[in-house]
Protein backbone atom coordinates (compact mmCIF):
# COMPACT_ATOMS: atom_id res chain seq x y z
CA UNK A 1 101.68 93.92 97.66
CA UNK A 2 103.97 91.00 96.98
CA UNK A 3 107.75 91.31 96.55
CA UNK A 4 110.55 88.90 95.77
CA UNK A 5 112.39 87.81 98.90
CA UNK A 6 115.60 89.58 97.90
CA UNK A 7 117.42 92.80 98.78
CA UNK A 8 115.93 94.32 95.61
CA UNK A 9 112.42 93.35 96.76
CA UNK A 10 113.03 94.96 100.16
CA UNK A 11 114.34 98.13 98.50
CA UNK A 12 111.30 98.34 96.20
CA UNK A 13 108.94 97.80 99.14
CA UNK A 14 110.62 100.59 101.10
CA UNK A 15 110.33 102.99 98.16
CA UNK A 16 106.69 102.09 97.62
CA UNK A 17 105.91 102.82 101.28
CA UNK A 18 107.51 106.26 101.04
CA UNK A 19 105.68 107.06 97.77
CA UNK A 20 102.35 105.85 99.14
CA UNK A 21 102.71 107.90 102.32
CA UNK A 22 103.56 110.96 100.23
CA UNK A 23 100.45 110.36 98.10
CA UNK A 24 98.40 110.17 101.32
CA UNK A 25 99.65 113.60 102.40
CA UNK A 26 102.69 112.68 104.49
CA UNK A 27 105.40 114.50 102.52
CA UNK A 28 108.72 112.77 101.91
CA UNK A 29 110.50 114.89 104.54
CA UNK A 30 107.77 114.54 107.18
CA UNK A 31 108.48 112.66 110.41
CA UNK A 32 105.66 110.22 109.61
CA UNK A 33 107.08 109.34 106.18
CA UNK A 34 110.66 109.02 107.38
CA UNK A 35 109.73 106.97 110.46
CA UNK A 36 107.30 104.58 108.80
CA UNK A 37 109.64 104.12 105.83
CA UNK A 38 112.48 103.21 108.21
CA UNK A 39 110.22 100.77 110.08
CA UNK A 40 109.14 99.18 106.79
CA UNK A 41 112.77 98.99 105.70
CA UNK A 42 113.77 97.08 108.83
CA UNK A 43 110.79 94.70 108.65
CA UNK A 44 111.30 93.91 104.97
CA UNK A 45 115.05 93.44 105.44
CA UNK A 46 114.28 90.96 108.24
CA UNK A 47 111.80 89.12 106.01
CA UNK A 48 114.51 88.75 103.36
CA UNK A 49 117.32 87.84 105.73
CA UNK A 50 115.51 85.67 108.28
CA UNK A 51 112.19 84.73 106.67
CA UNK A 52 113.41 83.77 103.22
CA UNK A 53 112.20 80.47 101.79
CA UNK A 54 113.48 79.77 98.25
CA UNK A 55 110.79 80.44 95.68
CA UNK A 56 108.54 82.30 98.14
CA UNK A 57 107.83 86.03 98.25
CA UNK A 58 107.03 88.32 101.15
CA UNK A 59 103.97 90.53 101.39
CA UNK A 60 103.68 94.12 102.55
CA UNK A 61 100.54 95.90 103.67
CA UNK A 62 100.34 99.57 104.66
CA UNK A 63 97.19 101.06 106.18
CA UNK A 64 96.12 104.26 107.88
CA UNK A 65 93.33 104.03 110.46
CA UNK A 66 90.73 106.71 111.16
CA UNK A 67 92.75 108.24 114.01
CA UNK A 68 95.84 108.57 111.82
CA UNK A 69 97.60 105.42 113.06
CA UNK A 70 99.88 104.06 110.32
CA UNK A 71 100.37 100.30 110.29
CA UNK A 72 102.98 98.29 108.36
CA UNK A 73 102.59 94.51 108.05
CA UNK A 74 105.23 92.25 106.49
CA UNK A 75 104.35 88.59 105.98
CA UNK A 76 106.80 85.82 105.12
CA UNK A 77 106.51 82.03 104.99
CA UNK A 78 109.03 81.14 107.70
CA UNK A 79 107.06 80.26 110.84
CA UNK A 80 109.89 78.78 112.90
CA UNK A 81 111.91 82.00 112.97
CA UNK A 82 110.05 84.49 115.15
CA UNK A 83 111.80 87.85 115.56
CA UNK A 84 113.00 88.97 118.97
CA UNK A 85 114.50 92.35 119.78
CA UNK A 86 117.80 91.60 121.49
CA UNK A 87 120.80 93.78 122.09
CA UNK A 88 123.70 92.57 119.92
CA UNK A 89 127.28 92.54 121.08
CA UNK A 90 129.29 95.74 120.66
CA UNK A 91 131.15 94.28 117.68
CA UNK A 92 128.04 92.79 116.06
CA UNK A 93 127.44 93.92 112.50
CA UNK A 94 123.70 93.20 112.57
CA UNK A 95 120.86 92.67 114.98
CA UNK A 96 119.75 96.25 115.60
CA UNK A 97 116.77 96.43 113.24
CA UNK A 98 114.12 95.35 115.71
CA UNK A 99 115.64 97.61 118.35
CA UNK A 100 114.99 100.50 115.93
CA UNK A 101 111.45 99.27 115.30
CA UNK A 102 110.87 98.96 119.05
CA UNK A 103 112.18 102.50 119.63
CA UNK A 104 110.26 104.13 116.76
CA UNK A 105 106.93 102.28 116.69
CA UNK A 106 104.13 102.88 119.16
CA UNK A 107 103.54 99.13 119.14
CA UNK A 108 104.76 96.09 117.22
CA UNK A 109 104.38 92.36 117.32
CA UNK A 110 104.21 89.05 115.51
CA UNK A 111 101.13 87.04 114.56
CA UNK A 112 100.87 83.66 112.82
CA UNK A 113 100.03 83.80 109.14
CA UNK A 114 96.30 82.99 108.91
CA UNK A 115 96.48 80.91 105.74
CA UNK A 116 99.49 78.63 105.48
CA UNK A 117 102.89 78.61 107.13
CA UNK A 118 104.58 81.81 108.15
CA UNK A 119 104.14 84.91 110.22
CA UNK A 120 103.24 88.56 109.98
CA UNK A 121 105.41 91.11 111.73
CA UNK A 122 103.55 94.38 112.19
CA UNK A 123 104.31 97.82 113.58
CA UNK A 124 102.11 100.82 114.28
CA UNK A 125 103.10 104.48 114.38
CA UNK A 126 100.91 107.42 115.30
CA UNK A 127 102.25 110.64 113.77
CA UNK A 128 102.48 113.51 116.24
CA UNK A 129 99.69 116.06 115.96
CA UNK A 130 100.54 119.19 114.11
CA UNK A 131 100.67 120.72 110.65
CA UNK A 132 102.31 117.61 109.16
CA UNK A 133 99.47 115.38 110.32
CA UNK A 134 96.87 114.33 107.79
CA UNK A 135 93.21 115.12 108.28
CA UNK A 136 91.40 111.77 107.95
CA UNK A 137 89.23 111.35 104.88
CA UNK A 138 86.85 108.55 104.04
CA UNK A 139 87.40 106.05 101.27
CA UNK A 140 90.34 104.17 99.87
CA UNK A 141 93.24 105.50 97.87
CA UNK A 142 95.78 103.62 95.88
CA UNK A 143 95.67 100.42 93.90
CA UNK A 144 95.57 96.88 95.20
CA UNK A 145 95.87 95.57 98.72
CA UNK A 146 97.28 98.70 100.39
CA UNK A 147 94.13 100.57 101.45
CA UNK A 148 94.32 103.93 103.18
CA UNK A 149 91.89 102.90 105.87
CA UNK A 150 92.04 99.82 108.02
CA UNK A 151 88.77 97.89 108.27
CA UNK A 152 86.62 98.89 111.24
CA UNK A 153 86.94 96.55 114.20
């Protein structure tokens, strides 16, 4: 889905992620929903703050693979600003978002945008097994470009 590169766009993207995960069976209070929503929040905030190009939007994609792996991808049009997780100074008011992503995600990284300038920052999270985990089902749920299942590799 496409969002305006603004704090409002980042907020809407975060809410959509939480609602979509809930619709997929990861209740709002589940560790999977809370963790992936926080990861998406940090990635979209970074796209707005560091990847903003006037007049350009950012894109969000959320998928769940067969094994339950949840993947968030946020694409912006700023190629020259690649995110790096660095420890900010003790008095720094920002700079901790990617440290949170690094601590919460099973894996994350940055890839060049395939069509045009920009980059995609992605993160993957595998919910712990247990009663809150979703039993995989086949097919796609939800409208538009946020399929439940990632394409087979």
